[in-house]
Amino acid sequence: MIIYTGVEWIEIIFLGGLSGALGQGARCIVGLKKLGKQAMSEGRPRTDLFDMARLLTSFLIGFIAGSFTAILASPELDKIQIEQLLAFASAGYAGTDAIEAFISHIEPNNSENITSTNKDYLG
């Protein structure tokens, strides 16, 4: 078992978090393209369907998912491999879906908001 200092834990958390947010960013790019197509087909401006608070929340969820994955992986900081970074990014990508699905079951009144067209830019 590797023992880390406080600074090393912060490095691990931020490395995983930034990688997770990057993974969520990839998911958002695809979703924003879908949102643009939907807005065009409905003859509405893209801004009618876009929600900045929801976008920022999704990046935060990706950051948290990536951070938790990095904590669980406990990488050697001087030997981090690209596969580990991609795993943290994948956790941000997939973790957001899992957390949003979980939230929709906890808060049934908000489940229609999570599955509405406003979610399309999230991927």
C-alpha atoms as a PDB file:
ATOM      1  CA  MET A   1       0.000   0.000   0.000  1.00  0.00           C
ATOM      2  CA  ILE A   2       1.275   3.429  -0.968  1.00  0.00           C
ATOM      3  CA  ILE A   3       1.255   6.147   1.683  1.00  0.00           C
ATOM      4  CA  TYR A   4       0.751   9.679   0.379  1.00  0.00           C
ATOM      5  CA  THR A   5       1.350  13.102   1.869  1.00  0.00           C
ATOM      6  CA  GLY A   6      -1.458  15.654   1.902  1.00  0.00           C
ATOM      7  CA  VAL A   7      -0.037  17.419  -1.145  1.00  0.00           C
ATOM      8  CA  GLU A   8       0.145  14.131  -3.066  1.00  0.00           C
ATOM      9  CA  TRP A   9      -3.523  13.412  -2.243  1.00  0.00           C
ATOM     10  CA  ILE A  10      -4.455  16.835  -3.600  1.00  0.00           C
ATOM     11  CA  GLU A  11      -2.461  16.108  -6.766  1.00  0.00           C
ATOM     12  CA  ILE A  12      -4.258  12.764  -7.191  1.00  0.00           C
ATOM     13  CA  ILE A  13      -7.682  14.307  -6.600  1.00  0.00           C
ATOM     14  CA  PHE A  14      -7.085  17.149  -9.069  1.00  0.00           C
ATOM     15  CA  LEU A  15      -5.477  14.931 -11.679  1.00  0.00           C
ATOM     16  CA  GLY A  16      -8.414  12.535 -11.546  1.00  0.00           C
ATOM     17  CA  GLY A  17     -10.914  15.384 -11.390  1.00  0.00           C
ATOM     18  CA  LEU A  18      -9.516  17.221 -14.370  1.00  0.00           C
ATOM     19  CA  SER A  19      -9.395  13.985 -16.348  1.00  0.00           C
ATOM     20  CA  GLY A  20     -13.021  13.257 -15.361  1.00  0.00           C
ATOM     21  CA  ALA A  21     -14.088  16.747 -16.418  1.00  0.00           C
ATOM     22  CA  LEU A  22     -12.281  16.183 -19.727  1.00  0.00           C
ATOM     23  CA  GLY A  23     -14.266  12.985 -20.249  1.00  0.00           C
ATOM     24  CA  GLN A  24     -17.479  14.847 -19.483  1.00  0.00           C
ATOM     25  CA  GLY A  25     -16.402  17.527 -21.941  1.00  0.00           C
ATOM     26  CA  ALA A  26     -16.215  14.930 -24.706  1.00  0.00           C
ATOM     27  CA  ARG A  27     -19.738  13.855 -23.812  1.00  0.00           C
ATOM     28  CA  CYS A  28     -20.943  17.468 -23.891  1.00  0.00           C
ATOM     29  CA  ILE A  29     -19.487  18.134 -27.346  1.00  0.00           C
ATOM     30  CA  VAL A  30     -21.579  15.339 -28.804  1.00  0.00           C
ATOM     31  CA  GLY A  31     -24.630  16.556 -26.900  1.00  0.00           C
ATOM     32  CA  LEU A  32     -24.195  20.156 -28.049  1.00  0.00           C
ATOM     33  CA  LYS A  33     -24.143  18.981 -31.652  1.00  0.00           C
ATOM     34  CA  LYS A  34     -27.424  17.111 -31.062  1.00  0.00           C
ATOM     35  CA  LEU A  35     -28.869  20.198 -29.388  1.00  0.00           C
ATOM     36  CA  GLY A  36     -27.985  22.316 -32.419  1.00  0.00           C
ATOM     37  CA  LYS A  37     -29.686  19.867 -34.774  1.00  0.00           C
ATOM     38  CA  GLN A  38     -32.785  19.750 -32.569  1.00  0.00           C
ATOM     39  CA  ALA A  39     -32.974  23.550 -32.400  1.00  0.00           C
ATOM     40  CA  MET A  40     -32.661  23.777 -36.182  1.00  0.00           C
ATOM     41  CA  SER A  41     -35.381  21.190 -36.747  1.00  0.00           C
ATOM     42  CA  GLU A  42     -37.725  23.044 -34.407  1.00  0.00           C
ATOM     43  CA  GLY A  43     -36.833  26.443 -35.906  1.00  0.00           C
ATOM     44  CA  ARG A  44     -35.746  27.747 -32.509  1.00  0.00           C
ATOM     45  CA  PRO A  45     -32.511  29.369 -31.423  1.00  0.00           C
ATOM     46  CA  ARG A  46     -30.064  27.049 -29.668  1.00  0.00           C
ATOM     47  CA  THR A  47     -30.140  29.308 -26.608  1.00  0.00           C
ATOM     48  CA  ASP A  48     -33.777  28.331 -25.957  1.00  0.00           C
ATOM     49  CA  LEU A  49     -32.676  24.759 -25.236  1.00  0.00           C
ATOM     50  CA  PHE A  50     -29.324  25.476 -23.569  1.00  0.00           C
ATOM     51  CA  ASP A  51     -28.956  25.621 -19.766  1.00  0.00           C
ATOM     52  CA  MET A  52     -25.545  26.817 -18.536  1.00  0.00           C
ATOM     53  CA  ALA A  53     -26.157  25.782 -14.909  1.00  0.00           C
ATOM     54  CA  ARG A  54     -26.882  22.237 -16.027  1.00  0.00           C
ATOM     55  CA  LEU A  55     -23.742  22.185 -18.169  1.00  0.00           C
ATOM     56  CA  LEU A  56     -21.551  23.357 -15.282  1.00  0.00           C
ATOM     57  CA  THR A  57     -23.195  20.837 -12.949  1.00  0.00           C
ATOM     58  CA  SER A  58     -22.385  18.057 -15.384  1.00  0.00           C
ATOM     59  CA  PHE A  59     -18.712  19.125 -15.461  1.00  0.00           C
ATOM     60  CA  LEU A  60     -18.670  19.122 -11.663  1.00  0.00           C
ATOM     61  CA  ILE A  61     -20.135  15.614 -11.584  1.00  0.00           C
ATOM     62  CA  GLY A  62     -17.477  14.491 -14.098  1.00  0.00           C
ATOM     63  CA  PHE A  63     -14.776  16.058 -11.905  1.00  0.00           C
ATOM     64  CA  ILE A  64     -16.073  14.240  -8.822  1.00  0.00           C
ATOM     65  CA  ALA A  65     -16.366  10.888 -10.617  1.00  0.00           C
ATOM     66  CA  GLY A  66     -12.815  11.211 -11.965  1.00  0.00           C
ATOM     67  CA  SER A  67     -11.507  12.192  -8.526  1.00  0.00           C
ATOM     68  CA  PHE A  68     -13.086   9.191  -6.834  1.00  0.00           C
ATOM     69  CA  THR A  69     -11.688   6.901  -9.494  1.00  0.00           C
ATOM     70  CA  ALA A  70      -8.206   8.329  -9.007  1.00  0.00           C
ATOM     71  CA  ILE A  71      -8.471   7.913  -5.236  1.00  0.00           C
ATOM     72  CA  LEU A  72      -9.514   4.285  -5.651  1.00  0.00           C
ATOM     73  CA  ALA A  73      -6.757   3.619  -8.198  1.00  0.00           C
ATOM     74  CA  SER A  74      -4.044   5.143  -5.959  1.00  0.00           C
ATOM     75  CA  PRO A  75      -1.552   5.642  -8.803  1.00  0.00           C
ATOM     76  CA  GLU A  76       2.151   6.111  -8.317  1.00  0.00           C
ATOM     77  CA  LEU A  77       2.443   9.824  -9.002  1.00  0.00           C
ATOM     78  CA  ASP A  78       5.812   9.587 -10.709  1.00  0.00           C
ATOM     79  CA  LYS A  79       4.658   6.740 -12.992  1.00  0.00           C
ATOM     80  CA  ILE A  80       1.156   7.653 -14.166  1.00  0.00           C
ATOM     81  CA  GLN A  81       0.378   6.057 -17.502  1.00  0.00           C
ATOM     82  CA  ILE A  82      -1.937   7.291 -20.231  1.00  0.00           C
ATOM     83  CA  GLU A  83      -4.244   4.316 -19.622  1.00  0.00           C
ATOM     84  CA  GLN A  84      -4.844   5.557 -16.074  1.00  0.00           C
ATOM     85  CA  LEU A  85      -5.689   9.057 -17.283  1.00  0.00           C
ATOM     86  CA  LEU A  86      -8.087   7.605 -19.850  1.00  0.00           C
ATOM     87  CA  ALA A  87      -9.709   5.520 -17.107  1.00  0.00           C
ATOM     88  CA  PHE A  88     -10.266   8.673 -15.033  1.00  0.00           C
ATOM     89  CA  ALA A  89     -11.715  10.446 -18.096  1.00  0.00           C
ATOM     90  CA  SER A  90     -13.969   7.456 -18.780  1.00  0.00           C
ATOM     91  CA  ALA A  91     -15.185   7.619 -15.207  1.00  0.00           C
ATOM     92  CA  GLY A  92     -16.175  11.248 -15.775  1.00  0.00           C
ATOM     93  CA  TYR A  93     -17.965  10.316 -18.984  1.00  0.00           C
ATOM     94  CA  ALA A  94     -19.839   7.301 -17.625  1.00  0.00           C
ATOM     95  CA  GLY A  95     -20.124   8.466 -14.029  1.00  0.00           C
ATOM     96  CA  THR A  96     -22.287  11.407 -15.014  1.00  0.00           C
ATOM     97  CA  ASP A  97     -24.817   9.093 -16.649  1.00  0.00           C
ATOM     98  CA  ALA A  98     -24.917   6.858 -13.579  1.00  0.00           C
ATOM     99  CA  ILE A  99     -25.273   9.735 -11.123  1.00  0.00           C
ATOM    100  CA  GLU A 100     -28.023  11.431 -13.166  1.00  0.00           C
ATOM    101  CA  ALA A 101     -29.922   8.134 -13.399  1.00  0.00           C
ATOM    102  CA  PHE A 102     -29.577   7.710  -9.637  1.00  0.00           C
ATOM    103  CA  ILE A 103     -30.844  11.252  -9.015  1.00  0.00           C
ATOM    104  CA  SER A 104     -33.857  10.685 -11.269  1.00  0.00           C
ATOM    105  CA  HIS A 105     -34.876   7.713  -9.081  1.00  0.00           C
ATOM    106  CA  ILE A 106     -34.406   9.617  -5.827  1.00  0.00           C
ATOM    107  CA  GLU A 107     -36.303  12.716  -6.938  1.00  0.00           C
ATOM    108  CA  PRO A 108     -39.251  11.448  -8.975  1.00  0.00           C
ATOM    109  CA  ASN A 109     -40.630  14.974  -9.408  1.00  0.00           C
ATOM    110  CA  ASN A 110     -37.471  15.973 -11.266  1.00  0.00           C
ATOM    111  CA  SER A 111     -37.135  12.831 -13.372  1.00  0.00           C
ATOM    112  CA  GLU A 112     -38.917  14.432 -16.298  1.00  0.00           C
ATOM    113  CA  ASN A 113     -36.467  17.353 -16.182  1.00  0.00           C
ATOM    114  CA  ILE A 114     -33.468  15.030 -16.318  1.00  0.00           C
ATOM    115  CA  THR A 115     -34.819  13.084 -19.269  1.00  0.00           C
ATOM    116  CA  SER A 116     -36.162  16.138 -21.108  1.00  0.00           C
ATOM    117  CA  THR A 117     -34.672  17.626 -24.247  1.00  0.00           C
ATOM    118  CA  ASN A 118     -32.621  19.997 -22.093  1.00  0.00           C
ATOM    119  CA  LYS A 119     -30.416  17.010 -21.240  1.00  0.00           C
ATOM    120  CA  ASP A 120     -29.441  16.496 -24.892  1.00  0.00           C
ATOM    121  CA  TYR A 121     -26.404  18.730 -24.657  1.00  0.00           C
ATOM    122  CA  LEU A 122     -25.105  16.484 -21.888  1.00  0.00           C
ATOM    123  CA  GLY A 123     -24.726  13.613 -24.299  1.00  0.00           C
END
